[in-house]
Amino acid sequence: MVPLIVIRPEPGCAATAEAARALGLETVAQPLFAIEPRSWQAPLAADFDALLIGSANVLRHGGRGLDALKNLPVYAVGETTAQAARERGFTVAASGSGGLQAVVDMLPPGTRHVLRLAGDERVPLTLPKAMTMEERVTYASVPCPFTPGLIDLLRRPAIVAVHSAEAMRHLTAQCVSHAIRRSPLRIAALGPRIAQAAEAGWGEVAVAQAPNDKALLALARQMCQDPFP
């Protein structure tokens, strides 16, 4: 069985790696990004009907600005984000399991103006005609260079779990910088947007059936059991 390499930022990297090991996968956790807070100013909560949050990092790194928004109902991308919101004192109206666009589609009729808190890298959303959205960036994912150990790992066949298009681009650039052949490496992508960001040259780029870790690890398990020649 070839190894699975998880490159998402912490604490998600460790969580994904632990879940992968529970499935019996040989797994290496190697974050390629560090999460850092960004300076931001909260708008007036009274101007909005709902708060849209696509990552628990918003709650971990949003700072004091979040306190001014606690009267707004939160619509969270998933249960991890929803739980982080509850721990910060927010009321969670709903959480999804299939990406933030699906959460937008869950917003109740009459929702006119929503506030999205996000990182600097975020997916575009399509809103109903009667709805408007403002965005505030509360954190950034800062790319990290390859470690010597990761360079050594990537010179052999491996599966790489990729959680964002930004990570896909950074992974590609670092492979080029270190003259790492991509043909022995296979990408397990969380969603289609990530696969679209992958340049040619990888041994395979496959997309999970749903944009969540359970589906991604099911894909990775299948790929690890069928090693690339």
C-alpha atoms as a PDB file:
ATOM      1  CA  MET A   1       0.000   0.000   0.000  1.00  0.00           C
ATOM      2  CA  VAL A   2       1.352   3.424  -0.962  1.00  0.00           C
ATOM      3  CA  PRO A   3       1.252   6.155   1.717  1.00  0.00           C
ATOM      4  CA  LEU A   4      -1.331   8.908   1.985  1.00  0.00           C
ATOM      5  CA  ILE A   5       0.120  12.393   2.575  1.00  0.00           C
ATOM      6  CA  VAL A   6      -2.156  15.001   4.164  1.00  0.00           C
ATOM      7  CA  ILE A   7      -1.090  18.608   3.563  1.00  0.00           C
ATOM      8  CA  ARG A   8      -3.946  20.762   4.957  1.00  0.00           C
ATOM      9  CA  PRO A   9      -3.248  23.253   7.777  1.00  0.00           C
ATOM     10  CA  GLU A  10      -3.508  22.331  11.442  1.00  0.00           C
ATOM     11  CA  PRO A  11      -5.568  21.407  13.352  1.00  0.00           C
ATOM     12  CA  GLY A  12      -7.393  19.858  10.389  1.00  0.00           C
ATOM     13  CA  CYS A  13      -4.256  18.075   9.189  1.00  0.00           C
ATOM     14  CA  ALA A  14      -3.929  16.016  12.364  1.00  0.00           C
ATOM     15  CA  ALA A  15      -7.665  15.277  12.423  1.00  0.00           C
ATOM     16  CA  THR A  16      -7.683  14.027   8.828  1.00  0.00           C
ATOM     17  CA  ALA A  17      -4.545  11.961   9.407  1.00  0.00           C
ATOM     18  CA  GLU A  18      -6.050  10.369  12.523  1.00  0.00           C
ATOM     19  CA  ALA A  19      -9.226   9.449  10.620  1.00  0.00           C
ATOM     20  CA  ALA A  20      -7.136   8.018   7.781  1.00  0.00           C
ATOM     21  CA  ARG A  21      -5.102   5.860  10.160  1.00  0.00           C
ATOM     22  CA  ALA A  22      -8.330   4.589  11.688  1.00  0.00           C
ATOM     23  CA  LEU A  23      -9.164   3.266   8.220  1.00  0.00           C
ATOM     24  CA  GLY A  24      -5.860   1.408   8.139  1.00  0.00           C
ATOM     25  CA  LEU A  25      -4.077   3.813   5.796  1.00  0.00           C
ATOM     26  CA  GLU A  26      -0.365   4.492   6.101  1.00  0.00           C
ATOM     27  CA  THR A  27      -0.581   8.246   6.627  1.00  0.00           C
ATOM     28  CA  VAL A  28       1.845  11.155   6.926  1.00  0.00           C
ATOM     29  CA  ALA A  29       0.622  14.539   8.218  1.00  0.00           C
ATOM     30  CA  GLN A  30       2.638  17.349   6.644  1.00  0.00           C
ATOM     31  CA  PRO A  31       0.872  20.746   6.727  1.00  0.00           C
ATOM     32  CA  LEU A  32       1.835  22.963   3.806  1.00  0.00           C
ATOM     33  CA  PHE A  33       0.033  26.026   5.191  1.00  0.00           C
ATOM     34  CA  ALA A  34      -0.024  27.921   8.476  1.00  0.00           C
ATOM     35  CA  ILE A  35      -3.172  29.814   9.476  1.00  0.00           C
ATOM     36  CA  GLU A  36      -2.651  33.428  10.543  1.00  0.00           C
ATOM     37  CA  PRO A  37      -5.244  36.010  11.680  1.00  0.00           C
ATOM     38  CA  ARG A  38      -5.919  39.076   9.557  1.00  0.00           C
ATOM     39  CA  SER A  39      -6.927  42.506  10.812  1.00  0.00           C
ATOM     40  CA  TRP A  40     -10.600  43.177  10.109  1.00  0.00           C
ATOM     41  CA  GLN A  41     -13.479  45.284  11.364  1.00  0.00           C
ATOM     42  CA  ALA A  42     -16.937  43.888  12.018  1.00  0.00           C
ATOM     43  CA  PRO A  43     -19.819  45.745  10.353  1.00  0.00           C
ATOM     44  CA  LEU A  44     -23.052  46.548  12.187  1.00  0.00           C
ATOM     45  CA  ALA A  45     -24.832  43.293  12.973  1.00  0.00           C
ATOM     46  CA  ALA A  46     -28.204  45.018  12.581  1.00  0.00           C
ATOM     47  CA  ASP A  47     -27.532  45.384   8.850  1.00  0.00           C
ATOM     48  CA  PHE A  48     -27.614  41.612   8.298  1.00  0.00           C
ATOM     49  CA  ASP A  49     -30.013  38.702   8.601  1.00  0.00           C
ATOM     50  CA  ALA A  50     -27.503  35.872   8.905  1.00  0.00           C
ATOM     51  CA  LEU A  51     -23.847  34.974   9.269  1.00  0.00           C
ATOM     52  CA  LEU A  52     -22.313  32.568   6.760  1.00  0.00           C
ATOM     53  CA  ILE A  53     -19.169  30.743   7.928  1.00  0.00           C
ATOM     54  CA  GLY A  54     -17.221  28.313   5.746  1.00  0.00           C
ATOM     55  CA  SER A  55     -14.408  27.304   8.100  1.00  0.00           C
ATOM     56  CA  ALA A  56     -13.786  26.798  11.807  1.00  0.00           C
ATOM     57  CA  ASN A  57     -10.666  28.938  11.277  1.00  0.00           C
ATOM     58  CA  VAL A  58     -12.974  31.961  11.230  1.00  0.00           C
ATOM     59  CA  LEU A  59     -13.901  31.206  14.838  1.00  0.00           C
ATOM     60  CA  ARG A  60     -10.354  30.268  15.890  1.00  0.00           C
ATOM     61  CA  HIS A  61      -8.721  33.392  14.453  1.00  0.00           C
ATOM     62  CA  GLY A  62     -11.511  35.991  14.161  1.00  0.00           C
ATOM     63  CA  GLY A  63     -10.626  37.665  17.439  1.00  0.00           C
ATOM     64  CA  ARG A  64     -12.727  40.256  19.248  1.00  0.00           C
ATOM     65  CA  GLY A  65     -14.543  41.337  16.109  1.00  0.00           C
ATOM     66  CA  LEU A  66     -16.692  38.247  16.378  1.00  0.00           C
ATOM     67  CA  ASP A  67     -18.246  39.443  19.627  1.00  0.00           C
ATOM     68  CA  ALA A  68     -20.185  42.197  17.872  1.00  0.00           C
ATOM     69  CA  LEU A  69     -21.930  39.650  15.641  1.00  0.00           C
ATOM     70  CA  LYS A  70     -23.199  37.127  18.178  1.00  0.00           C
ATOM     71  CA  ASN A  71     -26.833  38.135  17.729  1.00  0.00           C
ATOM     72  CA  LEU A  72     -26.772  36.870  14.142  1.00  0.00           C
ATOM     73  CA  PRO A  73     -27.790  33.263  13.419  1.00  0.00           C
ATOM     74  CA  VAL A  74     -24.906  31.220  12.016  1.00  0.00           C
ATOM     75  CA  TYR A  75     -25.142  29.043   8.931  1.00  0.00           C
ATOM     76  CA  ALA A  76     -22.050  26.837   9.011  1.00  0.00           C
ATOM     77  CA  VAL A  77     -20.437  24.728   6.302  1.00  0.00           C
ATOM     78  CA  GLY A  78     -20.254  21.644   8.538  1.00  0.00           C
ATOM     79  CA  GLU A  79     -20.555  20.342  12.072  1.00  0.00           C
ATOM     80  CA  THR A  80     -16.932  21.124  13.007  1.00  0.00           C
ATOM     81  CA  THR A  81     -17.507  24.776  12.118  1.00  0.00           C
ATOM     82  CA  ALA A  82     -20.897  24.754  13.807  1.00  0.00           C
ATOM     83  CA  GLN A  83     -19.396  23.431  17.037  1.00  0.00           C
ATOM     84  CA  ALA A  84     -16.652  26.074  16.951  1.00  0.00           C
ATOM     85  CA  ALA A  85     -19.371  28.711  16.549  1.00  0.00           C
ATOM     86  CA  ARG A  86     -21.305  27.381  19.552  1.00  0.00           C
ATOM     87  CA  GLU A  87     -18.140  27.446  21.647  1.00  0.00           C
ATOM     88  CA  ARG A  88     -17.732  31.143  20.796  1.00  0.00           C
ATOM     89  CA  GLY A  89     -21.277  31.856  21.953  1.00  0.00           C
ATOM     90  CA  PHE A  90     -23.116  31.924  18.620  1.00  0.00           C
ATOM     91  CA  THR A  91     -26.478  30.347  17.889  1.00  0.00           C
ATOM     92  CA  VAL A  92     -26.215  27.937  14.960  1.00  0.00           C
ATOM     93  CA  ALA A  93     -29.328  27.948  12.792  1.00  0.00           C
ATOM     94  CA  ALA A  94     -28.107  25.218  10.434  1.00  0.00           C
ATOM     95  CA  SER A  95     -25.011  23.367   9.286  1.00  0.00           C
ATOM     96  CA  GLY A  96     -24.389  21.594   6.024  1.00  0.00           C
ATOM     97  CA  SER A  97     -22.366  18.667   4.765  1.00  0.00           C
ATOM     98  CA  GLY A  98     -21.820  19.356   1.081  1.00  0.00           C
ATOM     99  CA  GLY A  99     -19.990  22.668   0.753  1.00  0.00           C
ATOM    100  CA  LEU A 100     -20.902  26.275   1.439  1.00  0.00           C
ATOM    101  CA  GLN A 101     -23.055  26.691  -1.672  1.00  0.00           C
ATOM    102  CA  ALA A 102     -25.407  24.038  -0.292  1.00  0.00           C
ATOM    103  CA  VAL A 103     -25.622  26.069   2.931  1.00  0.00           C
ATOM    104  CA  VAL A 104     -26.568  29.187   0.967  1.00  0.00           C
ATOM    105  CA  ASP A 105     -29.387  27.176  -0.564  1.00  0.00           C
ATOM    106  CA  MET A 106     -30.583  26.363   2.997  1.00  0.00           C
ATOM    107  CA  LEU A 107     -31.072  30.014   3.978  1.00  0.00           C
ATOM    108  CA  PRO A 108     -34.732  30.653   4.804  1.00  0.00           C
ATOM    109  CA  PRO A 109     -37.061  32.714   2.603  1.00  0.00           C
ATOM    110  CA  GLY A 110     -36.915  36.372   3.472  1.00  0.00           C
ATOM    111  CA  THR A 111     -33.149  36.378   4.043  1.00  0.00           C
ATOM    112  CA  ARG A 112     -32.026  39.565   2.313  1.00  0.00           C
ATOM    113  CA  HIS A 113     -28.531  40.438   3.447  1.00  0.00           C
ATOM    114  CA  VAL A 114     -25.899  38.013   4.710  1.00  0.00           C
ATOM    115  CA  LEU A 115     -22.400  38.508   6.071  1.00  0.00           C
ATOM    116  CA  ARG A 116     -19.761  36.002   5.061  1.00  0.00           C
ATOM    117  CA  LEU A 117     -16.694  35.566   7.255  1.00  0.00           C
ATOM    118  CA  ALA A 118     -13.922  33.757   5.427  1.00  0.00           C
ATOM    119  CA  GLY A 119     -10.248  33.300   4.679  1.00  0.00           C
ATOM    120  CA  ASP A 120      -8.363  35.054   1.923  1.00  0.00           C
ATOM    121  CA  GLU A 121      -8.812  31.988  -0.315  1.00  0.00           C
ATOM    122  CA  ARG A 122     -12.509  31.180  -0.723  1.00  0.00           C
ATOM    123  CA  VAL A 123     -14.912  29.659  -3.192  1.00  0.00           C
ATOM    124  CA  PRO A 124     -17.314  31.912  -5.130  1.00  0.00           C
ATOM    125  CA  LEU A 125     -20.986  31.605  -4.185  1.00  0.00           C
ATOM    126  CA  THR A 126     -24.166  32.052  -6.186  1.00  0.00           C
ATOM    127  CA  LEU A 127     -26.910  33.930  -4.344  1.00  0.00           C
ATOM    128  CA  PRO A 128     -30.642  34.140  -4.980  1.00  0.00           C
ATOM    129  CA  LYS A 129     -31.613  37.283  -6.880  1.00  0.00           C
ATOM    130  CA  ALA A 130     -33.142  39.004  -3.853  1.00  0.00           C
ATOM    131  CA  MET A 131     -30.143  38.344  -1.600  1.00  0.00           C
ATOM    132  CA  THR A 132     -26.943  40.356  -1.175  1.00  0.00           C
ATOM    133  CA  MET A 133     -23.745  39.468   0.651  1.00  0.00           C
ATOM    134  CA  GLU A 134     -20.813  41.284   2.212  1.00  0.00           C
ATOM    135  CA  GLU A 135     -17.536  39.549   3.023  1.00  0.00           C
ATOM    136  CA  ARG A 136     -14.872  40.027   5.669  1.00  0.00           C
ATOM    137  CA  VAL A 137     -11.525  38.192   5.634  1.00  0.00           C
ATOM    138  CA  THR A 138     -10.556  37.113   9.147  1.00  0.00           C
ATOM    139  CA  TYR A 139      -7.601  34.820   8.443  1.00  0.00           C
ATOM    140  CA  ALA A 140      -5.120  33.769   5.775  1.00  0.00           C
ATOM    141  CA  SER A 141      -3.477  30.490   4.822  1.00  0.00           C
ATOM    142  CA  VAL A 142       0.246  31.158   4.515  1.00  0.00           C
ATOM    143  CA  PRO A 143       2.149  28.636   2.359  1.00  0.00           C
ATOM    144  CA  CYS A 144       5.112  26.789   3.841  1.00  0.00           C
ATOM    145  CA  PRO A 145       8.052  25.255   1.958  1.00  0.00           C
ATOM    146  CA  PHE A 146       8.576  21.521   1.630  1.00  0.00           C
ATOM    147  CA  THR A 147      10.543  19.927   4.448  1.00  0.00           C
ATOM    148  CA  PRO A 148      13.444  17.580   3.562  1.00  0.00           C
ATOM    149  CA  GLY A 149      11.345  14.660   4.823  1.00  0.00           C
ATOM    150  CA  LEU A 150       8.419  15.562   2.559  1.00  0.00           C
ATOM    151  CA  ILE A 151      10.725  15.956  -0.444  1.00  0.00           C
ATOM    152  CA  ASP A 152      12.013  12.446   0.186  1.00  0.00           C
ATOM    153  CA  LEU A 153       8.477  11.057   0.502  1.00  0.00           C
ATOM    154  CA  LEU A 154       7.333  12.676  -2.726  1.00  0.00           C
ATOM    155  CA  ARG A 155      10.175  11.144  -4.713  1.00  0.00           C
ATOM    156  CA  ARG A 156       8.342   7.824  -4.343  1.00  0.00           C
ATOM    157  CA  PRO A 157       4.771   6.811  -5.280  1.00  0.00           C
ATOM    158  CA  ALA A 158       2.206   8.370  -2.944  1.00  0.00           C
ATOM    159  CA  ILE A 159      -1.359   9.647  -2.705  1.00  0.00           C
ATOM    160  CA  VAL A 160      -1.733  13.308  -1.693  1.00  0.00           C
ATOM    161  CA  ALA A 161      -4.993  14.483  -0.111  1.00  0.00           C
ATOM    162  CA  VAL A 162      -5.668  18.068  -1.226  1.00  0.00           C
ATOM    163  CA  HIS A 163      -8.333  20.203   0.458  1.00  0.00           C
ATOM    164  CA  SER A 164      -8.158  23.465  -1.538  1.00  0.00           C
ATOM    165  CA  ALA A 165      -7.272  24.867  -4.936  1.00  0.00           C
ATOM    166  CA  GLU A 166      -4.669  27.074  -3.264  1.00  0.00           C
ATOM    167  CA  ALA A 167      -3.007  23.976  -1.804  1.00  0.00           C
ATOM    168  CA  MET A 168      -3.043  22.315  -5.218  1.00  0.00           C
ATOM    169  CA  ARG A 169      -1.234  25.250  -6.797  1.00  0.00           C
ATOM    170  CA  HIS A 170       1.305  25.442  -3.980  1.00  0.00           C
ATOM    171  CA  LEU A 171       1.958  21.699  -4.119  1.00  0.00           C
ATOM    172  CA  THR A 172       2.568  21.932  -7.865  1.00  0.00           C
ATOM    173  CA  ALA A 173       4.911  24.921  -7.557  1.00  0.00           C
ATOM    174  CA  GLN A 174       6.960  23.238  -4.838  1.00  0.00           C
ATOM    175  CA  CYS A 175       7.271  20.038  -6.864  1.00  0.00           C
ATOM    176  CA  VAL A 176       8.584  22.073  -9.789  1.00  0.00           C
ATOM    177  CA  SER A 177      10.972  23.993  -7.513  1.00  0.00           C
ATOM    178  CA  HIS A 178      12.442  20.786  -6.088  1.00  0.00           C
ATOM    179  CA  ALA A 179      12.459  18.898  -9.415  1.00  0.00           C
ATOM    180  CA  ILE A 180      10.056  16.255  -8.090  1.00  0.00           C
ATOM    181  CA  ARG A 181       8.502  14.061 -10.766  1.00  0.00           C
ATOM    182  CA  ARG A 182       4.712  14.239 -10.528  1.00  0.00           C
ATOM    183  CA  SER A 183       3.856  11.137 -12.533  1.00  0.00           C
ATOM    184  CA  PRO A 184       4.333   8.760  -9.542  1.00  0.00           C
ATOM    185  CA  LEU A 185       2.031  10.952  -7.432  1.00  0.00           C
ATOM    186  CA  ARG A 186      -1.760  10.739  -7.377  1.00  0.00           C
ATOM    187  CA  ILE A 187      -4.087  13.453  -6.119  1.00  0.00           C
ATOM    188  CA  ALA A 188      -7.199  12.803  -4.032  1.00  0.00           C
ATOM    189  CA  ALA A 189      -9.082  16.114  -4.373  1.00  0.00           C
ATOM    190  CA  LEU A 190     -11.855  17.281  -2.066  1.00  0.00           C
ATOM    191  CA  GLY A 191     -13.792  18.885  -4.930  1.00  0.00           C
ATOM    192  CA  PRO A 192     -13.864  19.681  -8.668  1.00  0.00           C
ATOM    193  CA  ARG A 193     -12.388  23.166  -8.222  1.00  0.00           C
ATOM    194  CA  ILE A 194      -9.232  21.565  -6.798  1.00  0.00           C
ATOM    195  CA  ALA A 195      -8.970  19.146  -9.705  1.00  0.00           C
ATOM    196  CA  GLN A 196      -9.313  22.061 -12.120  1.00  0.00           C
ATOM    197  CA  ALA A 197      -6.353  23.755 -10.422  1.00  0.00           C
ATOM    198  CA  ALA A 198      -4.132  20.704 -10.985  1.00  0.00           C
ATOM    199  CA  GLU A 199      -1.775  21.069 -13.919  1.00  0.00           C
ATOM    200  CA  ALA A 200      -0.885  18.198 -16.211  1.00  0.00           C
ATOM    201  CA  GLY A 201       1.734  15.688 -15.148  1.00  0.00           C
ATOM    202  CA  TRP A 202       0.190  13.987 -12.111  1.00  0.00           C
ATOM    203  CA  GLY A 203      -0.254  10.231 -12.196  1.00  0.00           C
ATOM    204  CA  GLU A 204      -3.960  10.690 -11.484  1.00  0.00           C
ATOM    205  CA  VAL A 205      -6.325  13.361 -10.205  1.00  0.00           C
ATOM    206  CA  ALA A 206      -9.515  11.962  -8.671  1.00  0.00           C
ATOM    207  CA  VAL A 207     -12.358  13.854  -6.976  1.00  0.00           C
ATOM    208  CA  ALA A 208     -14.248  12.772  -3.851  1.00  0.00           C
ATOM    209  CA  GLN A 209     -17.957  12.065  -4.284  1.00  0.00           C
ATOM    210  CA  ALA A 210     -18.798  14.751  -1.708  1.00  0.00           C
ATOM    211  CA  PRO A 211     -16.793  17.725  -0.330  1.00  0.00           C
ATOM    212  CA  ASN A 212     -16.117  16.252   3.112  1.00  0.00           C
ATOM    213  CA  ASP A 213     -13.374  14.238   4.782  1.00  0.00           C
ATOM    214  CA  LYS A 214     -15.394  11.024   4.929  1.00  0.00           C
ATOM    215  CA  ALA A 215     -15.780  10.952   1.151  1.00  0.00           C
ATOM    216  CA  LEU A 216     -12.201  12.118   0.577  1.00  0.00           C
ATOM    217  CA  LEU A 217     -10.754   9.357   2.753  1.00  0.00           C
ATOM    218  CA  ALA A 218     -12.970   6.752   1.098  1.00  0.00           C
ATOM    219  CA  LEU A 219     -11.467   7.848  -2.212  1.00  0.00           C
ATOM    220  CA  ALA A 220      -7.939   7.835  -0.782  1.00  0.00           C
ATOM    221  CA  ARG A 221      -8.425   4.344   0.620  1.00  0.00           C
ATOM    222  CA  GLN A 222      -9.490   3.068  -2.780  1.00  0.00           C
ATOM    223  CA  MET A 223      -6.527   4.764  -4.462  1.00  0.00           C
ATOM    224  CA  CYS A 224      -4.032   3.477  -1.881  1.00  0.00           C
ATOM    225  CA  GLN A 225      -5.174  -0.090  -2.441  1.00  0.00           C
ATOM    226  CA  ASP A 226      -4.586   0.271  -6.164  1.00  0.00           C
ATOM    227  CA  PRO A 227      -1.001   1.591  -6.347  1.00  0.00           C
ATOM    228  CA  PHE A 228       0.156   3.432  -9.401  1.00  0.00           C
ATOM    229  CA  PRO A 229       2.625   1.316 -11.412  1.00  0.00           C
END
